[in-house]
Amino acid sequence: MAIIIDGYNLLHASGVMPQGNGPHTFERAREALIRFLAASLTDEERPRTTIVFDAREGPHNLPRLLERDGMTIRFARSRPTRRRSG
């Protein structure tokens, strides 16, 4: 069975997400969560695990798909807004 984790929701619910929006805040929080999950999940669970980080402005310096410690990490980015004519 697949394990799908909403990364940002888990960050906020777990209290891992620090207060403020300083430089690299989200990057450090994401890394902390990924390390925590890699250490917490079993060898059998990690390959079945996908962590999704979705945000209006996702990290542009990262690919949309990564693999870390056997887990799949996805960054969902919003699509450009289409203007309505008329």
N, C-alpha and C. Protein backbone atom coordinates (compact mmCIF):
# COMPACT_ATOMS: atom_id res chain seq x y z
N MET A 1 0.85 -1.17 0.00
CA MET A 1 0.00 0.00 0.00
C MET A 1 0.90 1.24 0.00
N ALA A 2 0.54 2.22 -0.83
CA ALA A 2 1.31 3.46 -0.93
C ALA A 2 1.07 4.34 0.30
N ILE A 3 2.09 5.10 0.63
CA ILE A 3 2.00 6.08 1.72
C ILE A 3 2.20 7.45 1.08
N ILE A 4 1.20 8.30 1.18
CA ILE A 4 1.29 9.65 0.62
C ILE A 4 1.20 10.64 1.76
N ILE A 5 2.18 11.52 1.84
CA ILE A 5 2.27 12.48 2.94
C ILE A 5 2.21 13.89 2.39
N ASP A 6 1.31 14.69 2.93
CA ASP A 6 1.23 16.12 2.59
C ASP A 6 2.29 16.82 3.44
N GLY A 7 3.42 17.13 2.83
CA GLY A 7 4.57 17.63 3.57
C GLY A 7 4.33 18.90 4.35
N TYR A 8 3.76 19.93 3.71
CA TYR A 8 3.57 21.19 4.42
C TYR A 8 2.53 21.07 5.53
N ASN A 9 1.47 20.30 5.30
CA ASN A 9 0.49 20.12 6.36
C ASN A 9 1.11 19.39 7.56
N LEU A 10 1.92 18.38 7.29
CA LEU A 10 2.58 17.67 8.39
C LEU A 10 3.57 18.57 9.11
N LEU A 11 4.27 19.42 8.38
CA LEU A 11 5.19 20.37 9.02
C LEU A 11 4.45 21.25 10.02
N HIS A 12 3.33 21.80 9.59
CA HIS A 12 2.56 22.69 10.48
C HIS A 12 1.93 21.93 11.64
N ALA A 13 1.35 20.76 11.35
CA ALA A 13 0.67 19.99 12.40
C ALA A 13 1.64 19.45 13.44
N SER A 14 2.86 19.14 13.01
CA SER A 14 3.84 18.55 13.92
C SER A 14 4.59 19.58 14.74
N GLY A 15 4.50 20.84 14.34
CA GLY A 15 5.24 21.88 15.04
C GLY A 15 6.68 22.01 14.57
N VAL A 16 7.05 21.29 13.52
CA VAL A 16 8.41 21.37 12.99
C VAL A 16 8.63 22.70 12.28
N MET A 17 7.58 23.25 11.71
CA MET A 17 7.69 24.50 10.96
C MET A 17 7.95 25.66 11.91
N PRO A 18 9.11 26.31 11.78
CA PRO A 18 9.42 27.43 12.68
C PRO A 18 8.58 28.65 12.34
N GLN A 19 8.48 29.55 13.29
CA GLN A 19 7.77 30.81 13.08
C GLN A 19 8.61 31.71 12.19
N GLY A 20 7.95 32.55 11.42
CA GLY A 20 8.66 33.50 10.59
C GLY A 20 8.92 32.97 9.20
N ASN A 21 9.34 33.86 8.34
CA ASN A 21 9.61 33.51 6.96
C ASN A 21 10.99 33.99 6.55
N GLY A 22 11.97 33.76 7.38
CA GLY A 22 13.32 34.18 7.08
C GLY A 22 13.90 33.41 5.91
N PRO A 23 15.09 33.82 5.48
CA PRO A 23 15.73 33.12 4.37
C PRO A 23 15.93 31.64 4.69
N HIS A 24 15.55 30.82 3.77
CA HIS A 24 15.76 29.37 3.87
C HIS A 24 14.90 28.68 4.93
N THR A 25 13.88 29.35 5.47
CA THR A 25 13.02 28.76 6.50
C THR A 25 12.34 27.49 5.98
N PHE A 26 11.70 27.58 4.83
CA PHE A 26 10.99 26.42 4.29
C PHE A 26 11.97 25.32 3.89
N GLU A 27 13.11 25.70 3.34
CA GLU A 27 14.10 24.72 2.94
C GLU A 27 14.59 23.91 4.14
N ARG A 28 14.92 24.59 5.23
CA ARG A 28 15.39 23.88 6.44
C ARG A 28 14.29 23.01 7.03
N ALA A 29 13.07 23.51 7.04
CA ALA A 29 11.95 22.73 7.59
C ALA A 29 11.68 21.50 6.74
N ARG A 30 11.69 21.65 5.41
CA ARG A 30 11.49 20.48 4.53
C ARG A 30 12.58 19.44 4.77
N GLU A 31 13.82 19.88 4.85
CA GLU A 31 14.93 18.95 5.07
C GLU A 31 14.79 18.23 6.41
N ALA A 32 14.39 18.95 7.44
CA ALA A 32 14.19 18.33 8.76
C ALA A 32 13.10 17.26 8.70
N LEU A 33 12.02 17.56 8.01
CA LEU A 33 10.92 16.60 7.89
C LEU A 33 11.36 15.37 7.10
N ILE A 34 12.07 15.57 6.00
CA ILE A 34 12.53 14.44 5.19
C ILE A 34 13.47 13.55 6.00
N ARG A 35 14.38 14.16 6.73
CA ARG A 35 15.30 13.36 7.57
C ARG A 35 14.53 12.60 8.65
N PHE A 36 13.55 13.26 9.27
CA PHE A 36 12.74 12.61 10.30
C PHE A 36 11.99 11.40 9.73
N LEU A 37 11.35 11.59 8.57
CA LEU A 37 10.60 10.49 7.98
C LEU A 37 11.52 9.35 7.55
N ALA A 38 12.68 9.68 6.98
CA ALA A 38 13.62 8.64 6.57
C ALA A 38 14.07 7.81 7.77
N ALA A 39 14.25 8.46 8.91
CA ALA A 39 14.67 7.74 10.11
C ALA A 39 13.51 6.99 10.76
N SER A 40 12.29 7.44 10.56
CA SER A 40 11.13 6.85 11.23
C SER A 40 10.48 5.70 10.46
N LEU A 41 10.55 5.76 9.14
CA LEU A 41 9.91 4.73 8.33
C LEU A 41 10.83 3.52 8.20
N THR A 42 10.23 2.37 8.01
CA THR A 42 11.02 1.14 7.86
C THR A 42 11.59 1.05 6.44
N ASP A 43 12.53 0.13 6.26
CA ASP A 43 13.11 -0.10 4.93
C ASP A 43 12.04 -0.48 3.91
N GLU A 44 11.00 -1.15 4.36
CA GLU A 44 9.91 -1.55 3.46
C GLU A 44 8.97 -0.38 3.16
N GLU A 45 8.81 0.54 4.09
CA GLU A 45 7.88 1.66 3.89
C GLU A 45 8.46 2.77 3.02
N ARG A 46 9.75 3.04 3.15
CA ARG A 46 10.34 4.18 2.41
C ARG A 46 10.12 4.11 0.90
N PRO A 47 10.33 2.98 0.23
CA PRO A 47 10.12 2.96 -1.22
C PRO A 47 8.66 3.17 -1.64
N ARG A 48 7.73 2.97 -0.72
CA ARG A 48 6.30 3.15 -1.01
C ARG A 48 5.81 4.54 -0.62
N THR A 49 6.72 5.38 -0.13
CA THR A 49 6.34 6.68 0.42
C THR A 49 6.58 7.80 -0.57
N THR A 50 5.57 8.63 -0.74
CA THR A 50 5.67 9.85 -1.54
C THR A 50 5.32 11.02 -0.63
N ILE A 51 6.21 11.99 -0.58
CA ILE A 51 5.98 13.22 0.18
C ILE A 51 5.71 14.31 -0.83
N VAL A 52 4.57 14.98 -0.70
CA VAL A 52 4.19 16.04 -1.64
C VAL A 52 4.23 17.37 -0.91
N PHE A 53 4.99 18.29 -1.46
CA PHE A 53 5.03 19.67 -0.96
C PHE A 53 4.32 20.52 -2.01
N ASP A 54 3.15 21.01 -1.64
CA ASP A 54 2.39 21.83 -2.58
C ASP A 54 2.26 23.24 -2.04
N ALA A 55 2.52 24.19 -2.88
CA ALA A 55 2.44 25.58 -2.48
C ALA A 55 2.22 26.42 -3.73
N ARG A 56 1.64 27.57 -3.53
CA ARG A 56 1.40 28.47 -4.65
C ARG A 56 2.72 28.80 -5.35
N GLU A 57 3.74 29.08 -4.58
CA GLU A 57 5.06 29.39 -5.12
C GLU A 57 6.03 28.32 -4.62
N GLY A 58 6.11 27.21 -5.32
CA GLY A 58 7.02 26.15 -4.93
C GLY A 58 8.46 26.54 -5.20
N PRO A 59 9.39 25.77 -4.67
CA PRO A 59 10.80 26.09 -4.88
C PRO A 59 11.19 25.93 -6.35
N HIS A 60 11.60 27.02 -6.96
CA HIS A 60 11.94 27.00 -8.39
C HIS A 60 13.33 26.43 -8.63
N ASN A 61 14.14 26.33 -7.60
CA ASN A 61 15.50 25.84 -7.75
C ASN A 61 15.60 24.32 -7.63
N LEU A 62 14.47 23.64 -7.44
CA LEU A 62 14.45 22.19 -7.30
C LEU A 62 13.62 21.57 -8.42
N PRO A 63 13.98 20.35 -8.83
CA PRO A 63 13.13 19.67 -9.81
C PRO A 63 11.80 19.31 -9.18
N ARG A 64 10.84 19.02 -10.00
CA ARG A 64 9.51 18.67 -9.48
C ARG A 64 9.50 17.30 -8.82
N LEU A 65 10.49 16.47 -9.11
CA LEU A 65 10.53 15.11 -8.59
C LEU A 65 11.95 14.78 -8.14
N LEU A 66 12.06 14.30 -6.90
CA LEU A 66 13.33 13.88 -6.32
C LEU A 66 13.17 12.53 -5.67
N GLU A 67 14.27 11.86 -5.47
CA GLU A 67 14.27 10.66 -4.64
C GLU A 67 15.30 10.85 -3.55
N ARG A 68 14.88 10.65 -2.32
CA ARG A 68 15.78 10.77 -1.17
C ARG A 68 15.55 9.61 -0.23
N ASP A 69 16.60 8.94 0.13
CA ASP A 69 16.52 7.82 1.08
C ASP A 69 15.45 6.81 0.68
N GLY A 70 15.29 6.62 -0.62
CA GLY A 70 14.31 5.66 -1.12
C GLY A 70 12.90 6.20 -1.23
N MET A 71 12.65 7.41 -0.76
CA MET A 71 11.32 8.01 -0.80
C MET A 71 11.22 8.92 -2.02
N THR A 72 10.02 9.05 -2.56
CA THR A 72 9.77 9.98 -3.66
C THR A 72 9.30 11.30 -3.07
N ILE A 73 9.87 12.39 -3.56
CA ILE A 73 9.47 13.72 -3.10
C ILE A 73 9.02 14.50 -4.32
N ARG A 74 7.82 15.04 -4.22
CA ARG A 74 7.24 15.81 -5.32
C ARG A 74 6.98 17.25 -4.87
N PHE A 75 7.24 18.16 -5.76
CA PHE A 75 6.93 19.57 -5.53
C PHE A 75 5.86 19.97 -6.54
N ALA A 76 4.66 20.21 -6.04
CA ALA A 76 3.56 20.62 -6.90
C ALA A 76 3.59 22.13 -7.01
N ARG A 77 3.57 22.60 -8.23
CA ARG A 77 3.55 24.05 -8.45
C ARG A 77 2.25 24.41 -9.13
N SER A 78 1.78 25.61 -8.82
CA SER A 78 0.54 26.04 -9.44
C SER A 78 0.78 26.31 -10.92
N ARG A 79 -0.25 26.16 -11.67
CA ARG A 79 -0.19 26.45 -13.09
C ARG A 79 -0.38 27.95 -13.29
N PRO A 80 0.17 28.47 -14.37
CA PRO A 80 -0.06 29.90 -14.64
C PRO A 80 -1.55 30.16 -14.81
N THR A 81 -1.98 31.27 -14.30
CA THR A 81 -3.38 31.65 -14.40
C THR A 81 -3.70 32.06 -15.83
N ARG A 82 -4.79 31.52 -16.35
CA ARG A 82 -5.22 31.90 -17.69
C ARG A 82 -6.18 33.06 -17.59
N ARG A 83 -5.95 34.03 -18.41
CA ARG A 83 -6.86 35.18 -18.44
C ARG A 83 -8.10 34.84 -19.23
N ARG A 84 -9.21 35.28 -18.70
CA ARG A 84 -10.47 35.09 -19.42
C ARG A 84 -10.64 36.23 -20.42
N SER A 85 -11.10 35.90 -21.57
CA SER A 85 -11.37 36.95 -22.55
C SER A 85 -12.82 37.36 -22.44
N GLY A 86 -13.03 38.58 -22.76
CA GLY A 86 -14.41 38.98 -22.84
C GLY A 86 -14.87 39.94 -21.91
